Amino acid sequence: MNSIPAPNTFLLVAAFSSFTAAALHFAIIVGGPSWLRFFGAGEQYAKAAEAGEVWPYLVTVAIGAILAIWGLYALQGSGLVQGLPLPFLRLGLLAITGVYLVRGLVLIPALLPNVQPYGPFMIWSSVICLVIGLAHAIGLVTQWSFLR
């Protein structure tokens, strides 16, 4: 059996990043329609929120909850915290890493000239997702043998 190494810095950064993204999503709910616009949710979401519809906030809560769970997976995988009852830790971290990397790769078409659906939000959010995905990937590779 392998001994447990020191906490993995890359997965700690990934966990912190996911927790921060989750907190921002929860803050958007408090901030309302103007925050939905600012953080790139789109005009459809902002107008629906202004009209008193609940679905933009439900979607935002769901995204925030998913990001918080992803943070827990990265925290557990880092080795800093032991014993969280998270099923399929390896598979979960692998899937989370894939989602972040694929989302980050939206940067490629976003940087192409004359690609209209993409704006500044898509560029900077893609860079952030790519960085978080790379932190997950490096952390996952270096921790793989210690994950169950």
N, C-alpha and C. Protein backbone atom coordinates (compact mmCIF):
# COMPACT_ATOMS: atom_id res chain seq x y z
N MET A 1 0.85 -1.19 0.00
CA MET A 1 0.00 0.00 0.00
C MET A 1 0.89 1.25 0.00
N ASN A 2 0.49 2.25 -0.77
CA ASN A 2 1.26 3.49 -0.88
C ASN A 2 1.03 4.37 0.33
N SER A 3 2.08 5.08 0.76
CA SER A 3 1.90 6.04 1.84
C SER A 3 1.29 7.32 1.26
N ILE A 4 0.61 8.06 2.10
CA ILE A 4 -0.05 9.29 1.65
C ILE A 4 0.98 10.41 1.62
N PRO A 5 1.10 11.09 0.48
CA PRO A 5 2.08 12.18 0.36
C PRO A 5 1.56 13.46 1.03
N ALA A 6 2.39 14.49 1.00
CA ALA A 6 1.96 15.82 1.45
C ALA A 6 0.81 16.27 0.55
N PRO A 7 -0.05 17.13 1.05
CA PRO A 7 -1.16 17.60 0.22
C PRO A 7 -0.70 18.11 -1.14
N ASN A 8 -1.45 17.77 -2.16
CA ASN A 8 -1.12 18.13 -3.53
C ASN A 8 -1.53 19.57 -3.80
N THR A 9 -0.54 20.42 -4.07
CA THR A 9 -0.79 21.85 -4.27
C THR A 9 -1.71 22.11 -5.46
N PHE A 10 -1.54 21.36 -6.53
CA PHE A 10 -2.36 21.60 -7.72
C PHE A 10 -3.83 21.33 -7.44
N LEU A 11 -4.12 20.24 -6.73
CA LEU A 11 -5.52 19.95 -6.41
C LEU A 11 -6.06 20.91 -5.34
N LEU A 12 -5.19 21.42 -4.47
CA LEU A 12 -5.64 22.44 -3.53
C LEU A 12 -6.02 23.72 -4.27
N VAL A 13 -5.23 24.10 -5.25
CA VAL A 13 -5.55 25.29 -6.08
C VAL A 13 -6.86 25.03 -6.84
N ALA A 14 -7.01 23.83 -7.37
CA ALA A 14 -8.24 23.48 -8.09
C ALA A 14 -9.45 23.56 -7.15
N ALA A 15 -9.30 23.04 -5.93
CA ALA A 15 -10.40 23.08 -4.96
C ALA A 15 -10.76 24.53 -4.63
N PHE A 16 -9.75 25.33 -4.31
CA PHE A 16 -9.98 26.74 -3.99
C PHE A 16 -10.66 27.46 -5.15
N SER A 17 -10.24 27.15 -6.37
CA SER A 17 -10.83 27.78 -7.56
C SER A 17 -12.29 27.41 -7.72
N SER A 18 -12.61 26.14 -7.53
CA SER A 18 -14.01 25.71 -7.65
C SER A 18 -14.87 26.31 -6.55
N PHE A 19 -14.33 26.36 -5.32
CA PHE A 19 -15.07 26.98 -4.22
C PHE A 19 -15.29 28.47 -4.47
N THR A 20 -14.30 29.14 -5.03
CA THR A 20 -14.44 30.56 -5.36
C THR A 20 -15.50 30.77 -6.44
N ALA A 21 -15.46 29.93 -7.47
CA ALA A 21 -16.47 30.03 -8.54
C ALA A 21 -17.87 29.76 -7.98
N ALA A 22 -17.98 28.81 -7.07
CA ALA A 22 -19.28 28.51 -6.45
C ALA A 22 -19.76 29.73 -5.67
N ALA A 23 -18.88 30.32 -4.87
CA ALA A 23 -19.25 31.49 -4.07
C ALA A 23 -19.69 32.65 -4.97
N LEU A 24 -19.00 32.84 -6.09
CA LEU A 24 -19.41 33.89 -7.02
C LEU A 24 -20.80 33.63 -7.58
N HIS A 25 -21.10 32.38 -7.88
CA HIS A 25 -22.45 32.07 -8.38
C HIS A 25 -23.51 32.36 -7.32
N PHE A 26 -23.22 32.05 -6.07
CA PHE A 26 -24.18 32.36 -5.01
C PHE A 26 -24.31 33.87 -4.80
N ALA A 27 -23.20 34.60 -4.96
CA ALA A 27 -23.23 36.06 -4.84
C ALA A 27 -24.05 36.68 -5.97
N ILE A 28 -24.00 36.08 -7.14
CA ILE A 28 -24.77 36.58 -8.29
C ILE A 28 -26.26 36.60 -7.96
N ILE A 29 -26.71 35.62 -7.21
CA ILE A 29 -28.12 35.56 -6.83
C ILE A 29 -28.49 36.78 -6.01
N VAL A 30 -27.62 37.15 -5.08
CA VAL A 30 -27.85 38.33 -4.26
C VAL A 30 -27.75 39.60 -5.10
N GLY A 31 -26.80 39.62 -6.04
CA GLY A 31 -26.58 40.80 -6.88
C GLY A 31 -27.69 41.07 -7.88
N GLY A 32 -28.42 40.03 -8.25
CA GLY A 32 -29.57 40.20 -9.14
C GLY A 32 -29.22 40.32 -10.61
N PRO A 33 -30.16 40.85 -11.39
CA PRO A 33 -30.01 40.91 -12.84
C PRO A 33 -28.75 41.61 -13.34
N SER A 34 -28.35 42.68 -12.67
CA SER A 34 -27.14 43.38 -13.12
C SER A 34 -25.91 42.49 -12.97
N TRP A 35 -25.88 41.67 -11.95
CA TRP A 35 -24.75 40.75 -11.76
C TRP A 35 -24.82 39.61 -12.77
N LEU A 36 -26.03 39.17 -13.09
CA LEU A 36 -26.17 38.16 -14.15
C LEU A 36 -25.57 38.67 -15.44
N ARG A 37 -25.86 39.93 -15.77
CA ARG A 37 -25.30 40.53 -16.98
C ARG A 37 -23.77 40.63 -16.89
N PHE A 38 -23.29 41.20 -15.79
CA PHE A 38 -21.86 41.44 -15.63
C PHE A 38 -21.05 40.14 -15.73
N PHE A 39 -21.57 39.07 -15.13
CA PHE A 39 -20.83 37.82 -15.11
C PHE A 39 -21.14 36.93 -16.31
N GLY A 40 -21.82 37.49 -17.30
CA GLY A 40 -21.94 36.81 -18.59
C GLY A 40 -23.06 35.80 -18.72
N ALA A 41 -24.05 35.87 -17.85
CA ALA A 41 -25.16 34.91 -17.95
C ALA A 41 -25.99 35.13 -19.21
N GLY A 42 -25.96 36.33 -19.72
CA GLY A 42 -26.70 36.62 -20.93
C GLY A 42 -27.93 37.48 -20.66
N GLU A 43 -28.31 38.17 -21.69
CA GLU A 43 -29.45 39.09 -21.58
C GLU A 43 -30.75 38.35 -21.30
N GLN A 44 -30.91 37.17 -21.86
CA GLN A 44 -32.13 36.38 -21.64
C GLN A 44 -32.30 36.08 -20.14
N TYR A 45 -31.21 35.70 -19.49
CA TYR A 45 -31.26 35.41 -18.06
C TYR A 45 -31.59 36.68 -17.27
N ALA A 46 -30.91 37.77 -17.59
CA ALA A 46 -31.10 39.02 -16.86
C ALA A 46 -32.53 39.53 -17.02
N LYS A 47 -33.05 39.50 -18.24
CA LYS A 47 -34.43 39.97 -18.47
C LYS A 47 -35.44 39.08 -17.76
N ALA A 48 -35.21 37.78 -17.76
CA ALA A 48 -36.12 36.87 -17.05
C ALA A 48 -36.09 37.16 -15.55
N ALA A 49 -34.91 37.42 -15.00
CA ALA A 49 -34.80 37.75 -13.58
C ALA A 49 -35.51 39.08 -13.28
N GLU A 50 -35.35 40.06 -14.17
CA GLU A 50 -36.04 41.35 -13.99
C GLU A 50 -37.55 41.18 -14.04
N ALA A 51 -38.01 40.21 -14.81
CA ALA A 51 -39.46 39.96 -14.93
C ALA A 51 -39.98 39.13 -13.76
N GLY A 52 -39.10 38.80 -12.81
CA GLY A 52 -39.54 38.05 -11.63
C GLY A 52 -39.53 36.54 -11.80
N GLU A 53 -38.96 36.06 -12.89
CA GLU A 53 -38.89 34.62 -13.09
C GLU A 53 -37.80 34.03 -12.19
N VAL A 54 -38.04 32.82 -11.74
CA VAL A 54 -37.14 32.17 -10.78
C VAL A 54 -36.07 31.34 -11.48
N TRP A 55 -36.33 30.87 -12.68
CA TRP A 55 -35.42 29.91 -13.32
C TRP A 55 -33.98 30.39 -13.47
N PRO A 56 -33.71 31.69 -13.73
CA PRO A 56 -32.29 32.08 -13.82
C PRO A 56 -31.54 31.84 -12.51
N TYR A 57 -32.25 32.06 -11.40
CA TYR A 57 -31.62 31.86 -10.10
C TYR A 57 -31.48 30.38 -9.76
N LEU A 58 -32.45 29.58 -10.18
CA LEU A 58 -32.34 28.14 -9.96
C LEU A 58 -31.16 27.54 -10.74
N VAL A 59 -30.98 28.00 -11.97
CA VAL A 59 -29.84 27.54 -12.78
C VAL A 59 -28.54 27.96 -12.11
N THR A 60 -28.50 29.20 -11.62
CA THR A 60 -27.29 29.72 -10.98
C THR A 60 -26.98 28.96 -9.69
N VAL A 61 -28.01 28.66 -8.90
CA VAL A 61 -27.81 27.85 -7.68
C VAL A 61 -27.30 26.47 -8.04
N ALA A 62 -27.86 25.86 -9.07
CA ALA A 62 -27.44 24.52 -9.48
C ALA A 62 -25.97 24.52 -9.91
N ILE A 63 -25.59 25.53 -10.69
CA ILE A 63 -24.18 25.63 -11.12
C ILE A 63 -23.28 25.82 -9.90
N GLY A 64 -23.68 26.71 -8.99
CA GLY A 64 -22.90 26.93 -7.78
C GLY A 64 -22.76 25.67 -6.94
N ALA A 65 -23.84 24.91 -6.82
CA ALA A 65 -23.79 23.66 -6.05
C ALA A 65 -22.85 22.64 -6.70
N ILE A 66 -22.94 22.53 -8.01
CA ILE A 66 -22.05 21.61 -8.73
C ILE A 66 -20.60 22.02 -8.54
N LEU A 67 -20.30 23.30 -8.66
CA LEU A 67 -18.93 23.77 -8.47
C LEU A 67 -18.44 23.51 -7.05
N ALA A 68 -19.32 23.66 -6.06
CA ALA A 68 -18.93 23.38 -4.67
C ALA A 68 -18.61 21.89 -4.50
N ILE A 69 -19.40 21.04 -5.10
CA ILE A 69 -19.13 19.59 -5.04
C ILE A 69 -17.80 19.28 -5.72
N TRP A 70 -17.55 19.92 -6.86
CA TRP A 70 -16.27 19.73 -7.55
C TRP A 70 -15.11 20.17 -6.65
N GLY A 71 -15.31 21.24 -5.89
CA GLY A 71 -14.29 21.68 -4.95
C GLY A 71 -14.03 20.63 -3.88
N LEU A 72 -15.09 19.99 -3.41
CA LEU A 72 -14.93 18.92 -2.42
C LEU A 72 -14.13 17.75 -3.00
N TYR A 73 -14.41 17.40 -4.25
CA TYR A 73 -13.67 16.32 -4.90
C TYR A 73 -12.18 16.66 -4.99
N ALA A 74 -11.88 17.88 -5.40
CA ALA A 74 -10.47 18.28 -5.52
C ALA A 74 -9.81 18.33 -4.13
N LEU A 75 -10.55 18.79 -3.14
CA LEU A 75 -10.01 18.84 -1.77
C LEU A 75 -9.72 17.44 -1.26
N GLN A 76 -10.64 16.53 -1.46
CA GLN A 76 -10.42 15.13 -1.07
C GLN A 76 -9.24 14.54 -1.83
N GLY A 77 -9.17 14.80 -3.12
CA GLY A 77 -8.08 14.27 -3.94
C GLY A 77 -6.73 14.85 -3.58
N SER A 78 -6.73 16.07 -3.04
CA SER A 78 -5.46 16.72 -2.68
C SER A 78 -4.74 16.00 -1.55
N GLY A 79 -5.49 15.25 -0.76
CA GLY A 79 -4.90 14.57 0.38
C GLY A 79 -4.94 15.41 1.65
N LEU A 80 -5.38 16.66 1.56
CA LEU A 80 -5.45 17.50 2.76
C LEU A 80 -6.55 17.02 3.70
N VAL A 81 -7.66 16.61 3.13
CA VAL A 81 -8.80 16.14 3.91
C VAL A 81 -9.02 14.68 3.57
N GLN A 82 -9.17 13.87 4.56
CA GLN A 82 -9.42 12.44 4.36
C GLN A 82 -10.82 12.11 4.86
N GLY A 83 -11.42 11.13 4.23
CA GLY A 83 -12.67 10.59 4.75
C GLY A 83 -13.95 11.25 4.29
N LEU A 84 -13.89 12.18 3.34
CA LEU A 84 -15.15 12.69 2.80
C LEU A 84 -15.84 11.55 2.07
N PRO A 85 -17.13 11.40 2.25
CA PRO A 85 -17.83 10.27 1.61
C PRO A 85 -18.15 10.55 0.13
N LEU A 86 -17.11 10.70 -0.67
CA LEU A 86 -17.31 11.00 -2.08
C LEU A 86 -17.10 9.73 -2.90
N PRO A 87 -18.14 9.32 -3.61
CA PRO A 87 -18.00 8.09 -4.41
C PRO A 87 -17.17 8.33 -5.67
N PHE A 88 -16.50 7.28 -6.11
CA PHE A 88 -15.78 7.30 -7.39
C PHE A 88 -14.82 8.49 -7.49
N LEU A 89 -13.93 8.63 -6.51
CA LEU A 89 -13.05 9.80 -6.46
C LEU A 89 -12.22 9.94 -7.73
N ARG A 90 -11.57 8.88 -8.16
CA ARG A 90 -10.76 8.95 -9.38
C ARG A 90 -11.60 9.32 -10.59
N LEU A 91 -12.70 8.60 -10.79
CA LEU A 91 -13.57 8.86 -11.93
C LEU A 91 -14.15 10.27 -11.87
N GLY A 92 -14.56 10.67 -10.67
CA GLY A 92 -15.11 12.02 -10.50
C GLY A 92 -14.11 13.10 -10.86
N LEU A 93 -12.88 12.96 -10.35
CA LEU A 93 -11.85 13.95 -10.66
C LEU A 93 -11.49 13.94 -12.14
N LEU A 94 -11.50 12.77 -12.73
CA LEU A 94 -11.21 12.67 -14.15
C LEU A 94 -12.30 13.39 -14.97
N ALA A 95 -13.55 13.18 -14.60
CA ALA A 95 -14.66 13.84 -15.30
C ALA A 95 -14.63 15.35 -15.09
N ILE A 96 -14.39 15.78 -13.87
CA ILE A 96 -14.32 17.22 -13.56
C ILE A 96 -13.20 17.87 -14.36
N THR A 97 -12.05 17.21 -14.39
CA THR A 97 -10.91 17.71 -15.16
C THR A 97 -11.29 17.86 -16.63
N GLY A 98 -11.96 16.85 -17.16
CA GLY A 98 -12.38 16.89 -18.57
C GLY A 98 -13.33 18.03 -18.85
N VAL A 99 -14.29 18.24 -17.96
CA VAL A 99 -15.26 19.32 -18.17
C VAL A 99 -14.55 20.68 -18.17
N TYR A 100 -13.69 20.90 -17.19
CA TYR A 100 -12.96 22.18 -17.15
C TYR A 100 -12.10 22.37 -18.40
N LEU A 101 -11.39 21.33 -18.83
CA LEU A 101 -10.53 21.47 -20.00
C LEU A 101 -11.33 21.71 -21.28
N VAL A 102 -12.41 20.96 -21.45
CA VAL A 102 -13.24 21.15 -22.65
C VAL A 102 -13.84 22.55 -22.65
N ARG A 103 -14.33 23.00 -21.50
CA ARG A 103 -14.88 24.37 -21.41
C ARG A 103 -13.79 25.39 -21.70
N GLY A 104 -12.59 25.14 -21.21
CA GLY A 104 -11.48 26.04 -21.46
C GLY A 104 -11.10 26.12 -22.93
N LEU A 105 -11.29 25.02 -23.64
CA LEU A 105 -10.92 25.00 -25.06
C LEU A 105 -11.85 25.84 -25.94
N VAL A 106 -12.94 26.34 -25.36
CA VAL A 106 -13.79 27.29 -26.08
C VAL A 106 -12.98 28.54 -26.41
N LEU A 107 -11.87 28.71 -25.71
CA LEU A 107 -10.98 29.84 -25.98
C LEU A 107 -10.53 29.86 -27.44
N ILE A 108 -10.31 28.69 -28.02
CA ILE A 108 -9.80 28.63 -29.39
C ILE A 108 -10.76 29.30 -30.38
N PRO A 109 -12.03 28.87 -30.45
CA PRO A 109 -12.91 29.59 -31.39
C PRO A 109 -13.21 31.02 -30.95
N ALA A 110 -13.16 31.28 -29.64
CA ALA A 110 -13.43 32.63 -29.16
C ALA A 110 -12.37 33.62 -29.64
N LEU A 111 -11.17 33.14 -29.90
CA LEU A 111 -10.10 34.02 -30.35
C LEU A 111 -10.06 34.19 -31.87
N LEU A 112 -10.82 33.38 -32.58
CA LEU A 112 -10.84 33.49 -34.04
C LEU A 112 -11.53 34.77 -34.47
N PRO A 113 -11.02 35.41 -35.52
CA PRO A 113 -11.65 36.64 -35.98
C PRO A 113 -13.05 36.36 -36.55
N ASN A 114 -13.93 37.31 -36.36
CA ASN A 114 -15.29 37.26 -36.91
C ASN A 114 -16.15 36.14 -36.34
N VAL A 115 -15.87 35.70 -35.15
CA VAL A 115 -16.73 34.72 -34.49
C VAL A 115 -17.60 35.52 -33.52
N GLN A 116 -18.81 35.79 -33.94
CA GLN A 116 -19.68 36.73 -33.24
C GLN A 116 -20.24 36.27 -31.89
N PRO A 117 -20.59 35.00 -31.70
CA PRO A 117 -21.25 34.68 -30.42
C PRO A 117 -20.33 34.83 -29.21
N TYR A 118 -19.05 34.97 -29.44
CA TYR A 118 -18.12 35.03 -28.33
C TYR A 118 -17.68 36.46 -28.08
N GLY A 119 -17.64 36.84 -26.83
CA GLY A 119 -17.18 38.17 -26.47
C GLY A 119 -16.14 38.07 -25.38
N PRO A 120 -15.85 39.17 -24.73
CA PRO A 120 -14.82 39.18 -23.69
C PRO A 120 -15.08 38.17 -22.56
N PHE A 121 -16.35 38.03 -22.15
CA PHE A 121 -16.66 37.07 -21.09
C PHE A 121 -16.22 35.67 -21.48
N MET A 122 -16.49 35.27 -22.69
CA MET A 122 -16.15 33.92 -23.12
C MET A 122 -14.64 33.73 -23.15
N ILE A 123 -13.92 34.78 -23.48
CA ILE A 123 -12.45 34.67 -23.53
C ILE A 123 -11.89 34.52 -22.12
N TRP A 124 -12.22 35.45 -21.21
CA TRP A 124 -11.61 35.36 -19.89
C TRP A 124 -12.13 34.18 -19.09
N SER A 125 -13.40 33.81 -19.27
CA SER A 125 -13.90 32.64 -18.53
C SER A 125 -13.28 31.35 -19.08
N SER A 126 -12.98 31.32 -20.37
CA SER A 126 -12.32 30.16 -20.96
C SER A 126 -10.90 30.02 -20.43
N VAL A 127 -10.20 31.13 -20.31
CA VAL A 127 -8.85 31.10 -19.75
C VAL A 127 -8.88 30.58 -18.32
N ILE A 128 -9.82 31.06 -17.53
CA ILE A 128 -9.96 30.61 -16.14
C ILE A 128 -10.24 29.11 -16.09
N CYS A 129 -11.18 28.64 -16.90
CA CYS A 129 -11.51 27.22 -16.92
C CYS A 129 -10.33 26.37 -17.38
N LEU A 130 -9.58 26.87 -18.34
CA LEU A 130 -8.40 26.15 -18.82
C LEU A 130 -7.36 26.03 -17.71
N VAL A 131 -7.13 27.10 -16.98
CA VAL A 131 -6.16 27.08 -15.88
C VAL A 131 -6.62 26.11 -14.78
N ILE A 132 -7.90 26.17 -14.43
CA ILE A 132 -8.42 25.26 -13.40
C ILE A 132 -8.33 23.82 -13.90
N GLY A 133 -8.65 23.60 -15.16
CA GLY A 133 -8.55 22.26 -15.73
C GLY A 133 -7.12 21.74 -15.72
N LEU A 134 -6.16 22.60 -16.03
CA LEU A 134 -4.76 22.19 -16.00
C LEU A 134 -4.31 21.88 -14.57
N ALA A 135 -4.75 22.67 -13.61
CA ALA A 135 -4.43 22.38 -12.20
C ALA A 135 -4.99 21.02 -11.80
N HIS A 136 -6.23 20.75 -12.20
CA HIS A 136 -6.82 19.44 -11.95
C HIS A 136 -6.00 18.33 -12.61
N ALA A 137 -5.66 18.54 -13.87
CA ALA A 137 -4.95 17.50 -14.63
C ALA A 137 -3.59 17.18 -14.01
N ILE A 138 -2.82 18.21 -13.70
CA ILE A 138 -1.50 17.99 -13.11
C ILE A 138 -1.65 17.33 -11.73
N GLY A 139 -2.58 17.85 -10.94
CA GLY A 139 -2.82 17.26 -9.62
C GLY A 139 -3.28 15.82 -9.70
N LEU A 140 -4.15 15.55 -10.64
CA LEU A 140 -4.68 14.20 -10.79
C LEU A 140 -3.59 13.22 -11.21
N VAL A 141 -2.76 13.63 -12.13
CA VAL A 141 -1.66 12.76 -12.58
C VAL A 141 -0.71 12.47 -11.42
N THR A 142 -0.37 13.49 -10.65
CA THR A 142 0.59 13.30 -9.56
C THR A 142 -0.01 12.58 -8.36
N GLN A 143 -1.31 12.61 -8.20
CA GLN A 143 -1.96 11.94 -7.06
C GLN A 143 -2.57 10.59 -7.42
N TRP A 144 -2.60 10.23 -8.68
CA TRP A 144 -3.37 9.07 -9.16
C TRP A 144 -3.18 7.83 -8.29
N SER A 145 -1.94 7.49 -7.99
CA SER A 145 -1.69 6.25 -7.25
C SER A 145 -2.18 6.31 -5.81
N PHE A 146 -2.45 7.50 -5.30
CA PHE A 146 -2.92 7.63 -3.92
C PHE A 146 -4.44 7.72 -3.81
N LEU A 147 -5.11 7.82 -4.95
CA LEU A 147 -6.57 7.96 -4.96
C LEU A 147 -7.24 6.61 -5.00
N ARG A 148 -8.33 6.50 -4.27
CA ARG A 148 -9.08 5.24 -4.26
C ARG A 148 -10.44 5.44 -4.87
